[in-house]
Protein backbone atom coordinates (compact mmCIF):
# COMPACT_ATOMS: atom_id res chain seq x y z
CA MET A 1 65.83 120.58 106.04
CA ILE A 2 65.01 120.25 110.08
CA VAL A 3 63.43 117.17 111.37
CA ALA A 4 62.23 116.48 114.43
CA GLY A 5 62.51 112.24 115.23
CA VAL A 6 60.39 110.73 117.80
CA MET A 7 60.67 107.78 120.18
CA SER A 8 58.76 105.94 122.84
CA GLY A 9 61.14 102.74 123.25
CA THR A 10 59.43 99.12 124.61
CA SER A 11 60.56 99.87 127.92
CA ALA A 12 57.92 102.58 127.65
CA ASP A 13 59.64 105.27 129.94
CA GLY A 14 59.22 107.92 128.30
CA ILE A 15 59.48 110.15 124.82
CA ASN A 16 63.05 111.50 123.27
CA VAL A 17 62.85 113.94 120.67
CA ALA A 18 65.85 114.81 118.33
CA LEU A 19 66.12 117.91 115.78
CA VAL A 20 68.05 117.07 113.15
CA ARG A 21 69.42 119.25 110.23
CA VAL A 22 69.31 117.38 107.33
CA ASN A 23 70.64 118.27 103.91
CA ASP A 24 68.08 118.46 101.29
CA THR A 25 70.17 117.13 98.16
CA GLN A 26 68.22 114.49 96.53
CA VAL A 27 68.93 110.88 98.11
CA HIS A 28 69.16 108.60 95.18
CA ALA A 29 69.17 104.40 96.44
CA THR A 30 69.08 101.95 94.17
CA LYS A 31 67.61 98.68 94.07
CA THR A 32 69.87 97.01 96.85
CA LEU A 33 70.05 100.58 98.47
CA LYS A 34 73.19 101.47 97.70
CA LEU A 35 73.43 105.07 98.18
CA HIS A 36 74.48 107.66 96.21
CA ARG A 37 75.78 111.09 98.13
CA PRO A 38 74.15 109.58 101.03
CA PRO A 39 72.44 112.11 104.05
CA LYS A 40 74.39 114.03 105.23
CA PHE A 41 73.10 115.18 108.95
CA GLN A 42 73.35 117.06 112.35
CA LEU A 43 71.85 116.92 115.38
CA LEU A 44 70.26 120.44 116.73
CA GLY A 45 69.64 119.01 120.07
CA HIS A 46 67.58 116.53 121.83
CA ALA A 47 65.29 116.33 124.95
CA GLU A 48 63.35 113.60 126.97
CA TYR A 49 60.06 113.80 128.64
CA PRO A 50 59.28 110.81 131.30
CA TYR A 51 55.39 109.92 130.46
CA PRO A 52 53.09 110.44 133.54
CA LYS A 53 53.23 107.70 135.76
CA ASP A 54 49.23 106.78 135.01
CA VAL A 55 50.34 106.84 131.61
CA ARG A 56 53.18 104.37 131.48
CA ARG A 57 51.00 102.51 133.73
CA ALA A 58 48.23 101.76 130.94
CA VAL A 59 50.95 101.59 127.91
CA LEU A 60 52.23 98.58 129.70
CA ALA A 61 49.17 97.34 130.77
CA SER A 62 48.33 96.94 126.28
CA MET A 63 51.85 95.66 125.78
CA ASN A 64 51.14 92.02 124.58
CA ALA A 65 48.02 92.41 126.81
CA ALA A 66 45.69 89.10 126.53
CA ARG A 67 42.14 91.24 126.78
CA ALA A 68 41.95 95.20 126.69
CA ASN A 69 39.43 97.73 125.86
CA VAL A 70 38.88 98.83 122.97
CA ALA A 71 37.44 102.18 123.84
CA ASP A 72 40.48 102.62 125.93
CA LEU A 73 43.02 101.73 123.08
CA ALA A 74 41.51 104.06 120.98
CA ARG A 75 41.71 106.79 124.01
CA LEU A 76 45.46 105.90 124.51
CA ASN A 77 46.07 106.03 120.78
CA PHE A 78 45.36 109.83 120.64
CA LEU A 79 46.38 110.45 124.46
CA LEU A 80 49.56 109.77 122.78
CA GLY A 81 48.95 111.76 119.59
CA GLU A 82 49.12 114.91 122.43
CA LEU A 83 52.08 114.02 124.74
CA TYR A 84 54.20 113.87 121.43
CA ALA A 85 53.28 117.00 120.05
CA GLU A 86 53.78 118.45 123.44
CA ALA A 87 57.22 116.89 123.44
CA VAL A 88 57.91 118.69 120.03
CA LEU A 89 56.06 121.98 120.68
CA GLU A 90 58.51 122.12 124.32
CA THR A 91 62.07 120.92 122.64
CA GLN A 92 61.28 123.19 119.74
CA ARG A 93 60.72 126.06 122.30
CA GLN A 94 63.90 125.09 124.55
CA LEU A 95 66.04 124.97 121.14
CA ARG A 96 64.51 127.75 119.38
CA LEU A 97 64.39 126.12 116.38
CA ARG A 98 60.66 125.29 114.19
CA VAL A 99 60.72 122.06 112.02
CA ASP A 100 59.68 121.03 109.02
CA LEU A 101 58.86 117.58 109.28
CA ILE A 102 58.91 114.94 111.85
CA GLY A 103 58.89 111.68 112.44
CA CYS A 104 57.08 109.62 114.63
CA HIS A 105 57.96 105.68 115.48
CA GLY A 106 55.26 105.92 118.45
CA GLN A 107 54.56 103.48 120.96
CA THR A 108 54.94 99.77 119.53
CA LEU A 109 52.00 97.81 121.43
CA TYR A 110 52.11 94.35 119.56
CA HIS A 111 54.93 93.39 117.03
CA GLN A 112 54.89 89.38 115.98
CA GLY A 113 57.55 89.41 113.11
CA GLU A 114 57.47 85.81 112.56
CA ALA A 115 54.63 84.92 110.59
CA ALA A 116 51.32 82.80 112.48
CA LEU A 117 48.41 81.29 111.45
CA PHE A 118 45.00 83.33 111.88
CA PHE A 119 42.02 82.70 110.24
CA ARG A 120 43.69 80.29 108.13
CA ARG A 121 46.23 83.02 106.80
CA ARG A 122 49.28 82.84 107.83
CA LEU A 123 50.60 86.93 109.38
CA ALA A 124 53.22 88.88 110.54
CA VAL A 125 51.52 92.03 112.21
CA THR A 126 52.54 95.19 114.20
CA TRP A 127 51.04 97.79 115.94
CA GLN A 128 52.21 101.30 116.88
CA ILE A 129 50.05 103.57 118.31
CA GLY A 130 50.19 107.42 118.81
CA GLU A 131 48.00 109.31 116.05
CA ALA A 132 49.81 111.45 113.60
CA ALA A 133 47.28 113.37 112.51
CA VAL A 134 46.78 115.07 116.03
CA ILE A 135 50.49 115.62 115.87
CA ALA A 136 50.37 116.96 112.52
CA ALA A 137 47.52 119.21 113.54
CA ARG A 138 48.79 120.51 116.29
CA ILE A 139 52.02 121.56 115.00
CA GLY A 140 51.47 122.55 111.03
CA VAL A 141 54.24 120.20 109.88
CA PRO A 142 53.57 116.26 107.88
CA VAL A 143 53.78 113.86 110.01
CA VAL A 144 55.71 110.25 108.76
CA SER A 145 54.75 106.94 111.29
CA ASP A 146 54.07 103.77 111.11
CA PHE A 147 57.63 102.89 109.69
CA ARG A 148 57.46 99.20 110.45
CA PRO A 149 54.52 97.98 108.25
CA SER A 150 56.04 98.03 104.24
CA ASP A 151 59.32 96.39 105.47
CA MET A 152 56.66 93.17 106.53
CA ALA A 153 54.61 93.95 103.95
CA ALA A 154 57.52 93.10 101.71
CA GLY A 155 58.41 89.93 103.25
CA GLY A 156 60.47 91.83 106.36
CA LYS A 157 60.25 91.87 109.82
CA GLY A 158 59.72 95.19 110.01
CA ALA A 159 62.92 95.44 112.49
CA PRO A 160 65.00 96.43 113.24
CA LEU A 161 64.99 99.79 111.54
CA VAL A 162 68.10 102.00 113.01
CA PRO A 163 70.66 100.46 110.84
CA PHE A 164 69.80 102.59 108.28
CA LEU A 165 71.35 105.49 110.75
CA ASP A 166 74.32 103.13 111.83
CA TYR A 167 75.28 102.32 108.53
CA LEU A 168 75.48 105.76 107.77
CA LEU A 169 77.35 107.08 110.76
CA TYR A 170 79.61 104.16 111.51
CA ARG A 171 80.79 102.18 108.36
CA ASP A 172 84.33 103.01 107.97
CA PRO A 173 86.51 101.49 105.06
CA ARG A 174 89.20 99.95 107.48
CA ILE A 175 87.41 99.53 110.48
CA GLY A 176 84.86 96.61 111.32
CA ARG A 177 81.95 97.62 113.53
CA VAL A 178 80.02 95.64 115.69
CA VAL A 179 77.57 98.55 116.97
CA GLN A 180 74.57 97.31 119.80
CA ASN A 181 71.94 99.30 120.67
CA ILE A 182 70.88 98.63 124.24
CA GLY A 183 67.15 99.63 125.05
CA GLY A 184 64.46 97.88 126.21
CA ILE A 185 65.48 95.11 123.80
CA ALA A 186 68.94 94.69 122.57
CA ASN A 187 69.77 95.17 119.03
CA LEU A 188 73.16 94.74 116.30
CA THR A 189 74.15 96.01 113.72
CA ALA A 190 77.39 94.50 112.52
CA ILE A 191 79.08 96.70 109.82
CA PRO A 192 82.28 95.05 108.07
CA ALA A 193 85.31 97.17 106.81
CA GLY A 194 84.27 98.91 103.63
CA ALA A 195 80.47 97.29 103.47
CA THR A 196 78.06 97.90 101.18
CA ALA A 197 74.36 98.28 103.12
CA ALA A 198 73.87 94.41 100.76
CA GLN A 199 76.51 93.15 103.71
CA VAL A 200 75.03 94.72 106.99
CA ILE A 201 74.24 91.89 109.61
CA ALA A 202 71.17 93.59 111.62
CA PHE A 203 69.02 91.33 114.47
CA ASP A 204 67.32 91.55 118.06
CA THR A 205 70.04 90.16 120.23
CA GLY A 206 67.78 89.66 123.19
CA PRO A 207 65.99 92.01 126.05
CA GLY A 208 68.14 94.81 126.86
CA ASN A 209 66.98 96.76 130.29
CA MET A 210 63.41 95.02 129.84
CA VAL A 211 64.33 92.40 131.85
CA ILE A 212 66.47 94.07 134.28
CA ASP A 213 64.22 97.34 135.15
CA ALA A 214 61.11 94.79 135.44
CA VAL A 215 63.12 92.18 138.25
CA THR A 216 64.48 95.42 139.49
CA GLU A 217 60.49 97.16 139.91
CA ARG A 218 59.02 94.11 141.00
CA LEU A 219 61.67 93.79 144.34
CA PHE A 220 63.16 96.89 144.75
CA ARG A 221 60.05 99.19 143.93
CA GLU A 222 62.28 101.56 141.79
CA PRO A 223 62.12 101.58 137.55
CA TYR A 224 65.17 100.86 137.01
CA ASP A 225 68.37 99.84 138.57
CA ARG A 226 70.61 103.52 138.62
CA ASP A 227 74.44 103.51 137.82
CA GLY A 228 74.37 99.03 137.86
CA GLN A 229 74.70 99.33 142.17
CA ILE A 230 71.90 96.41 143.00
CA ALA A 231 73.73 94.15 140.11
CA GLY A 232 77.09 95.22 141.61
CA SER A 233 76.15 93.71 144.76
CA GLY A 234 74.95 90.44 143.82
CA ALA A 235 76.49 87.13 143.01
CA VAL A 236 74.52 85.86 139.11
CA ARG A 237 72.90 82.51 139.23
CA GLN A 238 74.61 80.58 136.20
CA ASP A 239 72.42 78.17 136.64
CA VAL A 240 69.61 80.11 135.71
CA ILE A 241 70.67 81.84 132.71
CA ARG A 242 71.93 77.99 131.45
CA ASP A 243 68.56 77.05 131.31
CA LEU A 244 66.87 80.64 130.01
CA MET A 245 69.50 80.56 127.13
CA ARG A 246 67.80 77.11 125.66
CA ALA A 247 64.83 79.81 124.82
CA PRO A 248 64.00 79.38 120.72
CA PHE A 249 64.73 82.60 120.75
CA PHE A 250 68.32 82.41 121.15
CA ARG A 251 68.80 79.69 118.35
CA ARG A 252 66.75 80.96 115.79
CA LYS A 253 68.70 82.59 113.09
CA PRO A 254 68.47 86.04 111.81
CA PRO A 255 66.90 87.54 110.63
CA LYS A 256 64.79 87.84 113.70
CA THR A 257 63.22 90.81 115.70
CA ALA A 258 61.93 90.47 119.48
CA GLY A 259 59.79 92.30 121.95
CA ARG A 260 57.84 92.34 125.44
CA GLU A 261 56.19 88.96 123.25
CA GLU A 262 59.14 87.44 124.15
CA PHE A 263 60.53 88.88 127.43
CA GLY A 264 57.30 90.85 128.75
CA ARG A 265 55.49 89.76 132.02
CA GLU A 266 55.51 86.33 131.29
CA PHE A 267 59.14 85.43 130.66
CA VAL A 268 59.72 87.80 133.47
CA HIS A 269 57.29 84.97 135.59
CA GLU A 270 59.25 82.02 134.64
CA PHE A 271 62.32 84.32 135.30
CA LEU A 272 61.80 85.09 139.21
CA ARG A 273 60.68 81.36 139.19
CA ARG A 274 63.66 79.79 138.39
CA CYS A 275 65.40 82.21 140.94
CA GLY A 276 63.52 81.05 143.68
CA ARG A 277 64.40 81.94 146.90
CA SER A 278 68.04 83.42 145.42
CA SER A 279 68.32 87.06 147.27
CA LYS A 280 66.77 90.07 145.83
CA PRO A 281 70.49 91.96 144.50
CA ASP A 282 71.28 88.31 143.07
CA CYS A 283 68.29 88.26 140.65
CA VAL A 284 68.59 91.77 139.57
CA ALA A 285 72.58 90.59 138.81
CA THR A 286 70.93 87.51 137.23
CA ALA A 287 69.17 89.73 134.86
CA THR A 288 71.53 91.77 133.85
CA ALA A 289 74.47 88.54 132.98
CA LEU A 290 71.53 87.41 131.37
CA SER A 291 71.13 90.26 128.77
CA ALA A 292 75.23 90.34 128.39
CA ARG A 293 75.51 86.51 127.92
CA SER A 294 72.42 86.71 125.46
CA ILE A 295 75.09 89.68 123.52
CA GLY A 296 77.62 87.49 123.90
CA ASP A 297 76.29 84.61 122.35
CA ALA A 298 74.66 86.23 119.67
CA LEU A 299 77.96 88.28 118.48
CA ARG A 300 80.15 84.36 118.82
CA HIS A 301 77.13 82.69 116.80
CA PHE A 302 75.97 85.02 114.44
CA VAL A 303 78.63 87.54 113.51
CA ALA A 304 81.89 86.58 114.47
CA LYS A 305 81.87 83.30 112.27
CA ARG A 306 81.05 85.37 108.94
CA SER A 307 83.67 87.17 106.84
CA GLY A 308 84.89 90.56 107.72
CA ARG A 309 87.43 91.23 110.82
CA TYR A 310 85.38 93.10 113.38
CA LYS A 311 87.40 95.55 115.72
CA GLU A 312 85.23 97.66 117.81
CA PHE A 313 82.31 97.57 119.82
CA VAL A 314 80.16 100.70 119.72
CA VAL A 315 77.84 100.43 122.78
CA SER A 316 74.47 102.92 122.41
CA GLY A 317 71.16 103.07 124.58
CA GLY A 318 70.24 102.97 128.19
CA GLY A 319 72.16 100.14 128.75
CA ALA A 320 75.28 102.30 127.56
CA LYS A 321 74.97 103.45 131.47
CA ASN A 322 75.03 100.79 133.04
CA PRO A 323 78.55 100.26 134.42
CA THR A 324 77.66 96.20 135.56
CA LEU A 325 76.46 94.89 132.29
CA LEU A 326 78.76 97.08 130.75
CA ALA A 327 81.84 94.74 132.49
CA MET A 328 79.59 92.04 131.78
CA LEU A 329 79.85 93.27 128.27
CA ALA A 330 83.57 93.28 128.53
CA ASN A 331 84.02 89.86 129.72
CA GLU A 332 81.88 87.98 127.50
CA ILE A 333 83.35 89.28 124.20
CA GLY A 334 86.99 89.35 125.37
CA THR A 335 88.22 86.82 123.71
CA LEU A 336 86.69 88.27 120.19
CA GLY A 337 89.21 91.25 120.13
CA LEU A 338 86.64 93.86 119.75
CA GLN A 339 87.22 97.28 121.59
CA ILE A 340 84.47 98.39 123.45
CA ARG A 341 83.07 102.35 122.51
CA LEU A 342 80.41 104.81 123.39
CA SER A 343 78.64 106.04 120.59
CA ASP A 344 79.03 109.40 122.11
CA GLU A 345 82.54 109.67 120.83
CA PHE A 346 81.08 109.45 117.52
CA GLY A 347 79.00 112.69 118.36
CA LEU A 348 75.97 111.42 118.52
CA PRO A 349 74.61 110.81 122.12
CA SER A 350 72.89 108.06 123.31
CA ASP A 351 69.94 108.89 124.14
CA ALA A 352 69.54 110.81 121.16
CA LYS A 353 70.18 108.30 118.70
CA GLU A 354 67.29 106.59 117.93
CA ALA A 355 65.15 109.69 117.86
CA THR A 356 67.43 110.89 115.67
CA ALA A 357 66.95 107.17 113.27
CA PHE A 358 63.99 107.97 112.57
CA ALA A 359 64.23 111.52 111.70
CA LEU A 360 66.43 110.51 109.00
CA LEU A 361 63.77 107.42 108.18
CA ALA A 362 61.04 110.18 107.74
CA HIS A 363 63.41 112.64 105.89
CA GLN A 364 64.29 109.22 103.19
CA THR A 365 60.20 108.46 103.26
CA TRP A 366 59.19 112.35 102.66
CA LYS A 367 62.10 112.07 99.55
CA ARG A 368 60.39 109.45 97.86
CA GLN A 369 63.42 106.64 99.05
CA PRO A 370 63.95 103.72 100.61
CA SER A 371 65.42 103.29 103.80
CA ASN A 372 64.63 99.47 105.00
CA VAL A 373 68.31 97.04 104.79
CA PRO A 374 66.91 93.94 103.29
CA SER A 375 69.94 92.07 104.86
CA ALA A 376 68.40 93.48 108.21
CA THR A 377 65.24 92.99 108.40
CA GLY A 378 64.98 89.96 105.60
CA ALA A 379 62.79 91.85 103.46
CA LYS A 380 62.41 90.77 99.55
CA GLY A 381 64.18 94.24 98.83
CA PRO A 382 64.28 97.78 99.75
CA VAL A 383 61.22 99.60 100.48
CA ILE A 384 59.90 103.16 101.00
CA LEU A 385 58.88 103.32 104.76
CA GLY A 386 56.16 104.72 106.41
CA LYS A 387 52.95 107.19 106.03
CA VAL A 388 52.53 110.83 105.80
CA SER A 389 49.52 112.60 107.77
CA TYR A 390 49.49 116.24 106.27
CA ALA A 391 48.76 119.32 108.43
């Protein structure tokens, strides 16, 4: 079976599509998510399509918005469905392949993993848009979407979901690995040597590229700091980092998840206020160092103290292309004895990783098998993720 995974991250920079061949052997998962005959998969190709600039502006304006126009949100939902379908069709054309199934994460507009009071009920909620029925109709195959709510209904945070792929790809009987994805939000998956899925630790560590990109766009009118060149020319304001690292999120024990609700426009405004009259390169350097420090602190406080020895630190996501961030990370984890490696070394390009993950999650759903990792999300147990829209 060929499955298309479609992913739009919190940076809202565009659409990633991965076409993945997954074996059709029935995959059986027990109540503890101990996989028997885990799915074998092969990445056939991937592509990335930037959002049109006006669409990106609309998406960013809608994320965590205090006020929004309901009609515009409904229209944006259907528009993204059309754009996702066009991206899959173009990827099929480029690779000369046809897909049998699609897994579409959609675009997160709001994610609140911690329950809060609403009309006298404590609720944890999430919302991803990109109408799956439109995708199914345009391409003519079933679409699995809306992956997070099932985990949240079972008491989980609804994230992270990529640890299912991390466990399949990076587990090793002799080598413990920490897999660090640096997208808009940074998240890690810690897999002890010889681990079962129940022993996997995974959680969001804090900002990845989100704050760096926002500061770069605000100060330099550039969407991101290409190759970390701006940060590399600046000096880090350690006092600013020290103050910001006192935020409750960084002290909260896993499982935990983050998004623009924690590190979006309000956080960036406060960040720049604290930077004061610092030079523009110093601000970008400090934002980059904040991502590195938050990852390092997460490792020291919540992973290194746990049982199991970790030898490798595998980096993926857009942050893996930022040499300045990687150098700062190396400095942060230098005392932990971890060897830094890139996910590309394991046969899966970092650009395709998250889209590949949602292709695999869709395959599990199609086979009526669970794919959340309860030790990562905090759910009461394994659940089947997503909803199916038929063509």
